[in-house]
Amino acid sequence: MRRTIPGIWSLALAYLSLYRKYRSQTFSDLMGQDHVVRTLQNAIGSGRIAHSYLFTGPRGTGKTSSARLLAKALCCEKGPTPEPCNECHICQAITEGTLVDVYEMDAASESGVDDVRDTIVEVCEYKPNIARYKVFIIDEVHDLSSKAFDALLKTVEEPPEHVIFVLATTEFNKVPPTIRSRCQKFEFHRASLTDLVTRLAYVAEREGVQAEPAALTAIARMADGGYRDALTLLEQAILTSEGKITLQNVYDQLGLINDEVVDEILLALRDGDIPRLVATLDEVARLGRDPRTVLESMLHRMADLTRAILGIDVGASTDAAREASTHETAVRLGRDELLRQRAAIADAHKVIRDVSLPRLWLEAELTRIALAPRAGAQAVVQPVRSRPASAVAAAAEPKEPEQHSPEPAKPELPEPGPPESTGAQADAGPWPRILRELPENAPITMKLSDSRLLEIKDGQATVELKSRMFCDWMTEKPQRLAFLQSAIKAATGEEWQVKFVPAQSNGSGNQPITVELPLEGQPLHKAAQAQFNS
């Protein structure tokens, strides 16, 4: 037994995680960061090497790997070279993490001023032992204390000629401006879905593992643009699956629910079929799925459905059957219903973290969404409800042109209707269709909920809003008016210039709105005189 234990330990220590085993060892192997690679290689090739670099971007996008590649390129025996050879002693030592002239410091665990002084400031004074440069790689540099940044500042500003700093961070805003201004900044981007699937397929092939394209696509989506997260999820899928990695294996591993079950829930919401909805939720609960995970699965699926119905590429999946199913479900739901459900589920996802009984709450919340009135019906009813009953009846039947007079046509009405216009009226025209193009529960939709189209003349539309405040809000930012104009274009195929007027004035020349109350200012003065002189 004593002889077998060291062998077991040696096997355990020899195993490398996939994200470490397949870490990029050359610039050409670094995927998705071509802008960074091109700039660094041009700088090295021209001899314009900065003394400090700041790599910023989401986790798992190659910041630390690029820092090591930069150290290799600068210290390689054949360099400085735009592409390290990976064959010399220095390149191999940097790969193994044993080169004494390349210092890697984790600011998350070594954040104090003493750590910076002992590891960096005092060491900078000495020449490199083996390599051409001393390279200091500080990961998560934003975690350094304020005193540590102060101690580092002078050295970063004026380091010795043989010292190069590479600072990496996921939170650029937390790095002091005094440090940022002394570094060349490089922004690392999230990986695209295609790049992630390509990398996963390459690693799976090298590992001798078979995987369904749909399974790799699901892993890539859950990685959220991070190569390290993608390889970690792939490694878990390899360990938990027996043989070929299937889409169901990935769903079980991540605790998600498959697309067919999600589609069943979405269609039940559309139809208001509460028995089918509750039965599906019970089946999902029986599988042990967390209610929050159910909402996350629905959001991921609805993202694909939205792309499909809008004609956008769904993703990198080569599974024709799955793509056909996605388009079929999207068409069955329809764009308006899909957008309504997506907004409602997104709001529910924000709330569920604070719920004490999430399973019961989820059932009640989805029931409420299923039975909620549709946005289209509200868009038609609200403008009609804001008009007098006689005006609605008059709009329903044609009438002959009549001469205007100063007196209202029907004195018995509590208030005069909108003025006659040479253009189309909202309630008999395209305005309800335009309102239906706006997303439900959006601020602009609520501001326009009680609006009316007074006239359209020579491409100029006059829209009545509830108050002057709403008019100011609509014109405050140009993108709000542009958003409304895009909805007009989608509903009518025409382009209008829109003018807003408050409901009190209607743009008809009525008396301007005053800020005086009935017994304030001059009216109050006259009332007081009449009272005391009587």
Protein backbone atom coordinates (compact mmCIF):
# COMPACT_ATOMS: atom_id res chain seq x y z
CA MET A 1 0.00 0.00 0.00
CA ARG A 2 2.82 2.38 0.76
CA ARG A 3 4.17 2.00 -2.74
CA THR A 4 0.88 2.76 -4.45
CA ILE A 5 0.08 5.99 -2.63
CA PRO A 6 2.94 8.04 -4.18
CA GLY A 7 1.87 6.81 -7.61
CA ILE A 8 -1.69 7.93 -7.01
CA TRP A 9 -0.54 11.33 -5.83
CA SER A 10 1.74 11.74 -8.84
CA LEU A 11 -1.17 11.00 -11.19
CA ALA A 12 -3.40 13.46 -9.35
CA LEU A 13 -0.78 16.21 -9.45
CA ALA A 14 0.00 15.57 -13.13
CA TYR A 15 -3.59 16.30 -14.22
CA LEU A 16 -4.18 19.79 -15.59
CA SER A 17 -7.52 21.45 -15.99
CA LEU A 18 -8.54 22.07 -19.57
CA TYR A 19 -8.29 25.83 -19.28
CA ARG A 20 -4.67 25.47 -18.10
CA LYS A 21 -3.80 22.72 -20.54
CA TYR A 22 -5.08 24.69 -23.53
CA ARG A 23 -3.93 28.15 -22.44
CA SER A 24 -2.70 30.12 -25.47
CA GLN A 25 1.08 29.74 -25.87
CA THR A 26 1.49 31.95 -28.96
CA PHE A 27 -0.15 35.13 -30.15
CA SER A 28 -1.57 33.28 -33.15
CA ASP A 29 -3.34 30.90 -30.76
CA LEU A 30 -5.05 33.75 -28.88
CA MET A 31 -8.63 33.85 -30.16
CA GLY A 32 -10.96 36.82 -30.35
CA GLN A 33 -8.42 39.51 -29.39
CA ASP A 34 -6.94 40.36 -32.79
CA HIS A 35 -6.89 44.08 -32.02
CA VAL A 36 -4.70 43.50 -28.96
CA VAL A 37 -2.38 41.03 -30.70
CA ARG A 38 -1.88 43.29 -33.72
CA THR A 39 -1.02 46.34 -31.61
CA LEU A 40 1.40 44.47 -29.35
CA GLN A 41 3.18 42.78 -32.25
CA ASN A 42 3.52 46.06 -34.13
CA ALA A 43 4.99 47.73 -31.04
CA ILE A 44 7.49 44.91 -30.47
CA GLY A 45 8.44 44.78 -34.15
CA SER A 46 9.09 48.53 -34.28
CA GLY A 47 10.94 48.57 -30.95
CA ARG A 48 8.42 50.91 -29.31
CA ILE A 49 7.99 48.97 -26.10
CA ALA A 50 6.09 50.72 -23.32
CA HIS A 51 7.17 50.37 -19.72
CA SER A 52 3.65 49.67 -18.41
CA TYR A 53 0.51 48.08 -19.87
CA LEU A 54 -3.02 47.87 -18.52
CA PHE A 55 -5.15 44.94 -19.70
CA THR A 56 -8.84 45.32 -18.91
CA GLY A 57 -11.88 43.23 -19.77
CA PRO A 58 -14.27 40.50 -18.55
CA ARG A 59 -12.97 37.42 -16.79
CA GLY A 60 -11.61 34.54 -18.80
CA THR A 61 -10.91 36.53 -21.99
CA GLY A 62 -7.12 36.08 -22.06
CA LYS A 63 -5.66 38.99 -20.07
CA THR A 64 -3.21 36.94 -17.97
CA SER A 65 -2.38 34.68 -20.92
CA SER A 66 -1.58 37.75 -23.03
CA ALA A 67 0.60 39.13 -20.23
CA ARG A 68 2.64 35.91 -20.23
CA LEU A 69 2.85 35.95 -24.03
CA LEU A 70 4.13 39.53 -23.88
CA ALA A 71 6.75 38.46 -21.34
CA LYS A 72 7.80 35.63 -23.65
CA ALA A 73 8.01 37.90 -26.69
CA LEU A 74 10.16 40.43 -24.82
CA CYS A 75 12.45 37.94 -23.08
CA CYS A 76 12.76 35.21 -25.73
CA GLU A 77 16.35 34.33 -26.64
CA LYS A 78 15.46 35.13 -30.27
CA GLY A 79 13.76 38.38 -29.37
CA PRO A 80 12.34 40.75 -28.71
CA THR A 81 10.13 39.08 -31.30
CA PRO A 82 6.48 39.48 -32.33
CA GLU A 83 6.03 35.72 -31.89
CA PRO A 84 7.86 33.79 -29.13
CA CYS A 85 9.59 30.59 -30.19
CA ASN A 86 8.40 28.48 -27.21
CA GLU A 87 11.55 26.40 -27.64
CA CYS A 88 14.25 28.30 -25.79
CA HIS A 89 14.91 27.90 -22.08
CA ILE A 90 13.33 31.25 -21.21
CA CYS A 91 10.05 30.60 -23.11
CA GLN A 92 9.70 27.17 -21.54
CA ALA A 93 10.42 28.53 -18.07
CA ILE A 94 7.74 31.24 -18.48
CA THR A 95 5.28 28.56 -19.64
CA GLU A 96 6.04 26.50 -16.54
CA GLY A 97 5.97 29.58 -14.29
CA THR A 98 9.53 29.07 -13.02
CA LEU A 99 11.43 32.01 -14.56
CA VAL A 100 12.78 34.14 -11.72
CA ASP A 101 12.61 37.36 -13.76
CA VAL A 102 8.86 37.14 -14.38
CA TYR A 103 6.89 37.95 -11.24
CA GLU A 104 3.18 37.16 -11.03
CA MET A 105 1.33 38.80 -8.17
CA ASP A 106 -2.33 38.32 -7.26
CA ALA A 107 -3.54 41.61 -5.85
CA ALA A 108 -6.63 39.92 -4.44
CA SER A 109 -4.47 38.14 -1.83
CA GLU A 110 -1.46 40.47 -1.75
CA SER A 111 -3.04 43.88 -1.59
CA GLY A 112 -1.09 45.61 1.18
CA VAL A 113 1.57 48.24 0.89
CA ASP A 114 4.19 45.87 2.36
CA ASP A 115 3.45 43.31 -0.35
CA VAL A 116 4.06 45.90 -3.05
CA ARG A 117 7.29 47.14 -1.44
CA ASP A 118 8.73 43.69 -0.86
CA THR A 119 7.65 42.12 -4.16
CA ILE A 120 8.05 45.03 -6.57
CA VAL A 121 9.64 48.27 -5.39
CA GLU A 122 12.75 46.76 -3.78
CA VAL A 123 13.22 44.12 -6.50
CA CYS A 124 13.08 46.67 -9.33
CA GLU A 125 16.50 48.05 -8.37
CA TYR A 126 18.32 44.87 -9.43
CA LYS A 127 19.14 43.78 -12.96
CA PRO A 128 17.45 40.67 -14.41
CA ASN A 129 19.13 37.39 -13.51
CA ILE A 130 18.57 35.54 -16.81
CA ALA A 131 16.13 37.30 -19.10
CA ARG A 132 16.30 40.62 -20.93
CA TYR A 133 13.65 42.27 -18.73
CA LYS A 134 12.10 41.96 -15.32
CA VAL A 135 8.36 41.62 -16.01
CA PHE A 136 5.83 42.22 -13.22
CA ILE A 137 2.35 40.82 -13.89
CA ILE A 138 -0.20 42.06 -11.33
CA ASP A 139 -3.54 40.31 -11.66
CA GLU A 140 -6.75 41.98 -10.38
CA VAL A 141 -4.75 45.13 -9.76
CA HIS A 142 -7.90 47.02 -8.70
CA ASP A 143 -7.82 45.10 -5.39
CA LEU A 144 -4.66 46.87 -4.22
CA SER A 145 -5.15 49.19 -1.26
CA SER A 146 -4.82 52.94 -1.68
CA LYS A 147 -1.46 52.91 0.16
CA ALA A 148 -0.25 50.11 -2.11
CA PHE A 149 -1.18 52.15 -5.18
CA ASP A 150 0.70 55.12 -3.73
CA ALA A 151 3.79 52.95 -3.21
CA LEU A 152 3.50 51.59 -6.75
CA LEU A 153 2.86 54.92 -8.45
CA LYS A 154 6.42 56.29 -8.59
CA THR A 155 7.84 52.98 -9.82
CA VAL A 156 5.19 52.65 -12.55
CA GLU A 157 5.77 56.24 -13.62
CA GLU A 158 9.57 56.03 -13.90
CA PRO A 159 10.70 52.41 -13.78
CA PRO A 160 14.25 51.30 -14.60
CA GLU A 161 14.89 50.48 -18.25
CA HIS A 162 14.89 46.74 -17.54
CA VAL A 163 11.42 46.70 -15.89
CA ILE A 164 8.06 46.12 -17.62
CA PHE A 165 4.71 46.26 -15.81
CA VAL A 166 1.60 44.42 -17.03
CA LEU A 167 -1.48 45.19 -14.93
CA ALA A 168 -4.65 43.16 -15.44
CA THR A 169 -8.11 44.02 -14.10
CA THR A 170 -11.77 43.19 -14.58
CA GLU A 171 -12.87 46.49 -12.99
CA PHE A 172 -11.14 49.29 -14.83
CA ASN A 173 -13.08 52.01 -13.00
CA LYS A 174 -11.51 50.98 -9.67
CA VAL A 175 -7.97 51.59 -10.90
CA PRO A 176 -6.85 55.10 -9.80
CA PRO A 177 -6.56 57.63 -12.65
CA THR A 178 -2.95 58.29 -11.63
CA ILE A 179 -2.10 54.68 -12.50
CA ARG A 180 -4.29 54.54 -15.63
CA SER A 181 -2.69 57.62 -17.12
CA ARG A 182 0.76 56.03 -16.97
CA CYS A 183 -0.18 52.82 -18.78
CA GLN A 184 -1.03 51.80 -22.31
CA LYS A 185 -4.58 50.49 -22.10
CA PHE A 186 -5.81 47.41 -23.98
CA GLU A 187 -9.46 46.36 -23.81
CA PHE A 188 -10.20 42.65 -24.10
CA HIS A 189 -13.57 41.69 -25.58
CA ARG A 190 -15.93 38.87 -24.76
CA ALA A 191 -15.62 35.95 -27.12
CA SER A 192 -18.24 35.57 -29.81
CA LEU A 193 -20.45 32.50 -29.80
CA THR A 194 -18.78 31.25 -32.99
CA ASP A 195 -15.27 31.59 -31.52
CA LEU A 196 -16.28 29.75 -28.36
CA VAL A 197 -17.90 26.88 -30.25
CA THR A 198 -14.84 26.61 -32.51
CA ARG A 199 -12.53 26.45 -29.49
CA LEU A 200 -14.70 23.91 -27.69
CA ALA A 201 -14.82 21.68 -30.78
CA TYR A 202 -11.03 21.88 -31.09
CA VAL A 203 -10.46 20.94 -27.44
CA ALA A 204 -13.03 18.13 -27.58
CA GLU A 205 -11.33 16.69 -30.66
CA ARG A 206 -7.89 16.88 -29.01
CA GLU A 207 -9.27 15.15 -25.92
CA GLY A 208 -10.87 12.41 -28.01
CA VAL A 209 -14.39 13.33 -26.88
CA GLN A 210 -17.48 13.29 -29.09
CA ALA A 211 -20.01 16.06 -28.54
CA GLU A 212 -23.21 17.15 -30.24
CA PRO A 213 -22.94 20.59 -31.90
CA ALA A 214 -26.03 21.70 -29.97
CA ALA A 215 -24.33 20.69 -26.70
CA LEU A 216 -21.24 22.75 -27.50
CA THR A 217 -23.45 25.70 -28.43
CA ALA A 218 -25.31 25.44 -25.10
CA ILE A 219 -21.99 25.42 -23.21
CA ALA A 220 -20.77 28.42 -25.19
CA ARG A 221 -23.93 30.37 -24.37
CA MET A 222 -23.60 29.68 -20.65
CA ALA A 223 -19.93 30.77 -20.71
CA ASP A 224 -21.09 34.33 -21.47
CA GLY A 225 -18.08 35.16 -23.63
CA GLY A 226 -15.40 33.69 -21.34
CA TYR A 227 -12.98 31.09 -22.70
CA ARG A 228 -12.03 29.86 -19.25
CA ASP A 229 -15.66 29.39 -18.20
CA ALA A 230 -16.37 27.55 -21.45
CA LEU A 231 -13.52 25.09 -20.95
CA THR A 232 -14.50 24.57 -17.30
CA LEU A 233 -18.08 23.71 -18.31
CA LEU A 234 -16.79 21.39 -21.05
CA GLU A 235 -14.60 19.63 -18.51
CA GLN A 236 -17.60 19.08 -16.22
CA ALA A 237 -19.63 17.75 -19.14
CA ILE A 238 -16.85 15.27 -19.99
CA LEU A 239 -16.76 14.02 -16.41
CA THR A 240 -20.54 13.69 -16.01
CA SER A 241 -21.44 12.20 -19.39
CA GLU A 242 -20.96 8.59 -20.41
CA GLY A 243 -19.60 8.58 -23.92
CA LYS A 244 -20.87 11.26 -26.28
CA ILE A 245 -21.78 14.63 -24.78
CA THR A 246 -25.43 15.33 -25.60
CA LEU A 247 -27.53 18.41 -25.19
CA GLN A 248 -29.50 16.73 -22.42
CA ASN A 249 -26.22 15.98 -20.57
CA VAL A 250 -25.40 19.67 -20.63
CA TYR A 251 -28.87 20.65 -19.41
CA ASP A 252 -28.65 18.16 -16.55
CA GLN A 253 -25.15 19.31 -15.64
CA LEU A 254 -26.09 22.99 -15.57
CA GLY A 255 -29.48 22.37 -13.95
CA LEU A 256 -31.35 23.89 -16.89
CA ILE A 257 -34.49 22.68 -18.65
CA ASN A 258 -34.57 21.74 -22.31
CA ASP A 259 -36.05 23.82 -25.09
CA GLU A 260 -39.10 21.60 -25.58
CA VAL A 261 -40.23 22.12 -21.99
CA VAL A 262 -39.59 25.86 -22.19
CA ASP A 263 -41.62 26.05 -25.42
CA GLU A 264 -44.46 24.23 -23.67
CA ILE A 265 -44.45 26.86 -20.90
CA LEU A 266 -44.33 29.76 -23.38
CA LEU A 267 -47.22 28.41 -25.45
CA ALA A 268 -49.28 27.81 -22.31
CA LEU A 269 -48.66 31.44 -21.33
CA ARG A 270 -49.80 32.57 -24.77
CA ASP A 271 -52.99 30.50 -24.66
CA GLY A 272 -53.76 31.26 -21.01
CA ASP A 273 -53.88 27.48 -20.45
CA ILE A 274 -53.37 27.36 -16.68
CA PRO A 275 -53.83 23.55 -16.23
CA ARG A 276 -51.14 22.83 -18.83
CA LEU A 277 -48.88 25.49 -17.31
CA VAL A 278 -49.19 24.09 -13.78
CA ALA A 279 -48.68 20.51 -14.97
CA THR A 280 -45.46 21.49 -16.78
CA LEU A 281 -44.16 23.38 -13.75
CA ASP A 282 -44.88 20.36 -11.54
CA GLU A 283 -42.87 18.14 -13.88
CA VAL A 284 -39.98 20.61 -13.83
CA ALA A 285 -40.07 20.72 -10.03
CA ARG A 286 -40.06 16.92 -9.89
CA LEU A 287 -36.75 16.95 -11.79
CA GLY A 288 -35.32 19.14 -9.05
CA ARG A 289 -34.93 22.31 -11.11
CA ASP A 290 -34.66 25.54 -9.16
CA PRO A 291 -37.35 28.17 -9.94
CA ARG A 292 -34.71 30.76 -10.67
CA THR A 293 -33.11 28.34 -13.12
CA VAL A 294 -36.50 27.97 -14.84
CA LEU A 295 -36.61 31.71 -15.45
CA GLU A 296 -33.01 31.71 -16.71
CA SER A 297 -33.81 28.89 -19.12
CA MET A 298 -36.83 30.82 -20.37
CA LEU A 299 -34.76 33.97 -20.90
CA HIS A 300 -32.10 32.08 -22.86
CA ARG A 301 -34.74 30.43 -25.03
CA MET A 302 -36.63 33.67 -25.63
CA ALA A 303 -33.40 35.34 -26.71
CA ASP A 304 -33.08 32.73 -29.48
CA LEU A 305 -36.76 33.05 -30.38
CA THR A 306 -36.49 36.84 -30.61
CA ARG A 307 -33.52 36.58 -32.96
CA ALA A 308 -35.34 34.03 -35.06
CA ILE A 309 -38.53 36.08 -35.48
CA LEU A 310 -36.55 39.24 -36.28
CA GLY A 311 -34.47 37.45 -38.91
CA ILE A 312 -31.22 37.59 -36.93
CA ASP A 313 -28.76 34.69 -36.91
CA VAL A 314 -29.68 32.50 -33.95
CA GLY A 315 -26.13 31.34 -33.29
CA ALA A 316 -23.38 28.93 -34.24
CA SER A 317 -25.45 25.77 -33.99
CA THR A 318 -25.34 23.48 -37.01
CA ASP A 319 -28.32 21.45 -35.81
CA ALA A 320 -30.89 22.02 -38.57
CA ALA A 321 -33.69 20.36 -36.61
CA ARG A 322 -33.15 22.64 -33.62
CA GLU A 323 -33.07 25.74 -35.80
CA ALA A 324 -36.31 24.68 -37.50
CA SER A 325 -37.94 24.12 -34.10
CA THR A 326 -36.80 27.56 -32.96
CA HIS A 327 -38.32 29.29 -35.98
CA GLU A 328 -41.55 27.31 -35.67
CA THR A 329 -42.03 28.24 -32.02
CA ALA A 330 -41.19 31.88 -32.74
CA VAL A 331 -43.84 32.04 -35.45
CA ARG A 332 -46.43 30.37 -33.23
CA LEU A 333 -45.83 32.85 -30.45
CA GLY A 334 -45.68 35.94 -32.64
CA ARG A 335 -43.49 38.98 -32.16
CA ASP A 336 -45.81 41.01 -29.90
CA GLU A 337 -46.55 38.09 -27.58
CA LEU A 338 -42.87 37.09 -27.43
CA LEU A 339 -41.77 40.61 -26.50
CA ARG A 340 -44.52 40.83 -23.88
CA GLN A 341 -43.48 37.57 -22.26
CA ARG A 342 -39.78 38.41 -22.42
CA ALA A 343 -40.28 41.72 -20.61
CA ALA A 344 -42.48 40.09 -17.97
CA ILE A 345 -40.05 37.20 -17.34
CA ALA A 346 -37.11 39.62 -17.12
CA ASP A 347 -38.97 41.57 -14.41
CA ALA A 348 -39.77 38.34 -12.57
CA HIS A 349 -36.11 37.31 -12.63
CA LYS A 350 -35.19 40.50 -10.79
CA VAL A 351 -37.66 39.76 -7.99
CA ILE A 352 -37.26 36.02 -7.38
CA ARG A 353 -34.00 36.33 -5.46
CA ASP A 354 -35.87 37.97 -2.58
CA VAL A 355 -38.82 35.53 -2.51
CA SER A 356 -39.16 33.18 0.48
CA LEU A 357 -41.33 30.57 -1.31
CA PRO A 358 -39.93 30.65 -4.85
CA ARG A 359 -41.77 27.61 -6.20
CA LEU A 360 -45.23 28.84 -5.23
CA TRP A 361 -44.35 32.39 -6.21
CA LEU A 362 -43.21 31.25 -9.67
CA GLU A 363 -46.49 29.41 -10.27
CA ALA A 364 -48.49 32.47 -9.20
CA GLU A 365 -46.35 34.85 -11.25
CA LEU A 366 -46.58 32.81 -14.45
CA THR A 367 -50.34 32.48 -13.93
CA ARG A 368 -50.58 36.25 -13.66
CA ILE A 369 -48.57 36.69 -16.86
CA ALA A 370 -50.77 34.17 -18.69
CA LEU A 371 -53.99 35.94 -17.68
CA ALA A 372 -52.74 39.51 -18.10
CA PRO A 373 -54.45 41.59 -20.81
CA ARG A 374 -52.48 41.97 -24.01
CA ALA A 375 -50.83 45.25 -24.89
CA GLY A 376 -52.65 45.48 -28.23
CA ALA A 377 -56.08 45.65 -26.60
CA GLN A 378 -54.94 48.37 -24.24
CA ALA A 379 -53.49 50.43 -27.08
CA VAL A 380 -56.87 50.43 -28.86
CA VAL A 381 -59.08 51.03 -25.82
CA GLN A 382 -57.18 53.78 -24.05
CA PRO A 383 -57.46 56.54 -26.66
CA VAL A 384 -61.21 55.85 -27.12
CA ARG A 385 -61.82 55.92 -23.37
CA SER A 386 -60.27 59.38 -23.12
CA ARG A 387 -62.86 60.93 -25.50
CA PRO A 388 -66.46 61.91 -24.73
CA ALA A 389 -69.06 59.28 -25.62
CA SER A 390 -70.67 61.54 -28.23
CA ALA A 391 -67.33 62.09 -29.95
CA VAL A 392 -66.82 58.32 -30.18
CA ALA A 393 -70.26 57.89 -31.74
CA ALA A 394 -69.59 60.70 -34.18
CA ALA A 395 -66.27 59.16 -35.24
CA ALA A 396 -68.00 55.88 -36.03
CA GLU A 397 -70.15 57.35 -38.84
CA PRO A 398 -69.28 59.77 -41.68
CA LYS A 399 -70.49 63.34 -41.42
CA GLU A 400 -70.75 66.27 -43.78
CA PRO A 401 -68.37 69.21 -43.44
CA GLU A 402 -69.81 71.93 -41.28
CA GLN A 403 -69.05 75.53 -40.58
CA HIS A 404 -67.22 76.33 -37.38
CA SER A 405 -68.72 78.76 -34.93
CA PRO A 406 -67.38 80.27 -31.73
CA GLU A 407 -69.98 78.38 -29.71
CA PRO A 408 -69.64 74.63 -29.13
CA ALA A 409 -71.82 72.48 -31.37
CA LYS A 410 -73.28 70.65 -28.36
CA PRO A 411 -73.48 72.84 -25.24
CA GLU A 412 -74.61 69.90 -23.12
CA LEU A 413 -71.15 68.29 -23.30
CA PRO A 414 -69.05 68.81 -20.20
CA GLU A 415 -66.10 69.91 -22.33
CA PRO A 416 -65.59 70.63 -26.02
CA GLY A 417 -64.09 67.87 -28.17
CA PRO A 418 -60.86 68.26 -30.12
CA PRO A 419 -60.88 70.79 -32.94
CA GLU A 420 -61.74 69.71 -36.47
CA SER A 421 -58.64 68.85 -38.45
CA THR A 422 -57.74 68.36 -42.06
CA GLY A 423 -55.82 65.24 -41.12
CA ALA A 424 -56.64 61.80 -39.71
CA GLN A 425 -57.92 61.34 -36.19
CA ALA A 426 -56.05 58.92 -33.91
CA ASP A 427 -59.05 56.84 -32.94
CA ALA A 428 -60.10 56.29 -36.53
CA GLY A 429 -56.59 56.10 -37.95
CA PRO A 430 -53.19 54.51 -37.46
CA TRP A 431 -52.40 55.68 -33.93
CA PRO A 432 -53.51 52.45 -32.15
CA ARG A 433 -51.29 50.44 -34.50
CA ILE A 434 -48.37 52.74 -33.75
CA LEU A 435 -48.85 52.34 -30.01
CA ARG A 436 -48.86 48.56 -30.39
CA GLU A 437 -45.37 48.76 -31.91
CA LEU A 438 -44.01 50.15 -28.61
CA PRO A 439 -42.71 47.71 -25.95
CA GLU A 440 -45.01 47.03 -23.02
CA ASN A 441 -44.17 48.71 -19.69
CA ALA A 442 -41.50 50.92 -21.29
CA PRO A 443 -41.40 54.56 -20.05
CA ILE A 444 -42.21 55.91 -23.52
CA THR A 445 -45.23 53.60 -23.74
CA MET A 446 -46.61 54.85 -20.42
CA LYS A 447 -46.09 58.48 -21.47
CA LEU A 448 -48.06 57.86 -24.68
CA SER A 449 -50.76 55.65 -23.14
CA ASP A 450 -53.41 58.44 -23.09
CA SER A 451 -52.13 60.30 -26.14
CA ARG A 452 -54.18 61.25 -29.21
CA LEU A 453 -53.28 62.07 -32.77
CA LEU A 454 -54.92 65.43 -33.51
CA GLU A 455 -53.93 65.83 -37.13
CA ILE A 456 -51.53 64.80 -39.89
CA LYS A 457 -50.82 67.54 -42.39
CA ASP A 458 -47.98 67.62 -44.94
CA GLY A 459 -46.08 64.90 -43.08
CA GLN A 460 -46.43 66.82 -39.77
CA ALA A 461 -48.27 64.96 -36.99
CA THR A 462 -49.65 66.79 -33.96
CA VAL A 463 -49.97 64.55 -30.91
CA GLU A 464 -51.79 65.51 -27.75
CA LEU A 465 -50.21 64.35 -24.46
CA LYS A 466 -51.61 64.42 -20.97
CA SER A 467 -49.50 67.31 -19.69
CA ARG A 468 -46.74 69.76 -20.52
CA MET A 469 -44.37 67.64 -18.45
CA PHE A 470 -44.94 64.69 -20.78
CA CYS A 471 -44.26 66.90 -23.82
CA ASP A 472 -40.97 68.07 -22.30
CA TRP A 473 -40.02 64.49 -21.48
CA MET A 474 -40.58 63.32 -25.05
CA THR A 475 -38.48 66.13 -26.54
CA GLU A 476 -35.77 66.06 -23.86
CA LYS A 477 -33.70 63.38 -25.62
CA PRO A 478 -33.58 62.94 -29.42
CA GLN A 479 -33.50 59.14 -29.16
CA ARG A 480 -37.02 59.09 -27.66
CA LEU A 481 -38.48 60.89 -30.65
CA ALA A 482 -36.42 58.69 -32.99
CA PHE A 483 -37.80 55.58 -31.26
CA LEU A 484 -41.38 56.83 -31.78
CA GLN A 485 -40.64 57.64 -35.42
CA SER A 486 -39.32 54.10 -35.97
CA ALA A 487 -42.60 52.74 -34.54
CA ILE A 488 -44.53 55.02 -36.90
CA LYS A 489 -42.47 53.75 -39.83
CA ALA A 490 -43.10 50.12 -38.83
CA ALA A 491 -46.86 50.63 -38.44
CA THR A 492 -47.61 52.90 -41.40
CA GLY A 493 -44.65 52.69 -43.75
CA GLU A 494 -44.47 56.50 -43.63
CA GLU A 495 -42.13 59.00 -41.98
CA TRP A 496 -43.71 61.75 -39.90
CA GLN A 497 -42.38 64.76 -38.09
CA VAL A 498 -44.04 64.77 -34.67
CA LYS A 499 -45.11 67.82 -32.65
CA PHE A 500 -46.42 67.43 -29.08
CA VAL A 501 -49.00 69.65 -27.40
CA PRO A 502 -50.39 69.37 -23.86
CA ALA A 503 -54.01 68.33 -23.38
CA GLN A 504 -55.02 71.66 -21.77
CA SER A 505 -54.17 73.71 -24.82
CA ASN A 506 -54.72 71.19 -27.63
CA GLY A 507 -52.74 73.53 -29.84
CA SER A 508 -56.04 75.36 -30.67
CA GLY A 509 -55.33 78.79 -29.36
CA ASN A 510 -57.16 78.44 -26.04
CA GLN A 511 -56.15 80.52 -23.07
CA PRO A 512 -52.65 79.71 -21.89
CA ILE A 513 -52.18 77.69 -18.74
CA THR A 514 -51.50 79.91 -15.71
CA VAL A 515 -49.84 79.06 -12.46
CA GLU A 516 -52.34 81.07 -10.40
CA LEU A 517 -55.02 79.33 -8.43
CA PRO A 518 -58.59 80.76 -8.69
CA LEU A 519 -58.09 83.00 -5.61
CA GLU A 520 -54.47 83.98 -6.00
CA GLY A 521 -52.88 87.05 -7.51
CA GLN A 522 -55.20 89.58 -9.10
CA PRO A 523 -58.41 87.52 -8.62
CA LEU A 524 -57.65 87.31 -4.89
CA HIS A 525 -57.10 91.10 -4.71
CA LYS A 526 -60.44 91.83 -6.37
CA ALA A 527 -62.27 89.35 -4.16
CA ALA A 528 -60.80 90.96 -1.04
CA GLN A 529 -61.87 94.43 -2.17
CA ALA A 530 -65.38 93.25 -2.88
CA GLN A 531 -65.58 91.57 0.52
CA PHE A 532 -64.33 94.47 2.66
CA ASN A 533 -66.01 97.32 0.72
CA SER A 534 -69.47 95.71 0.91
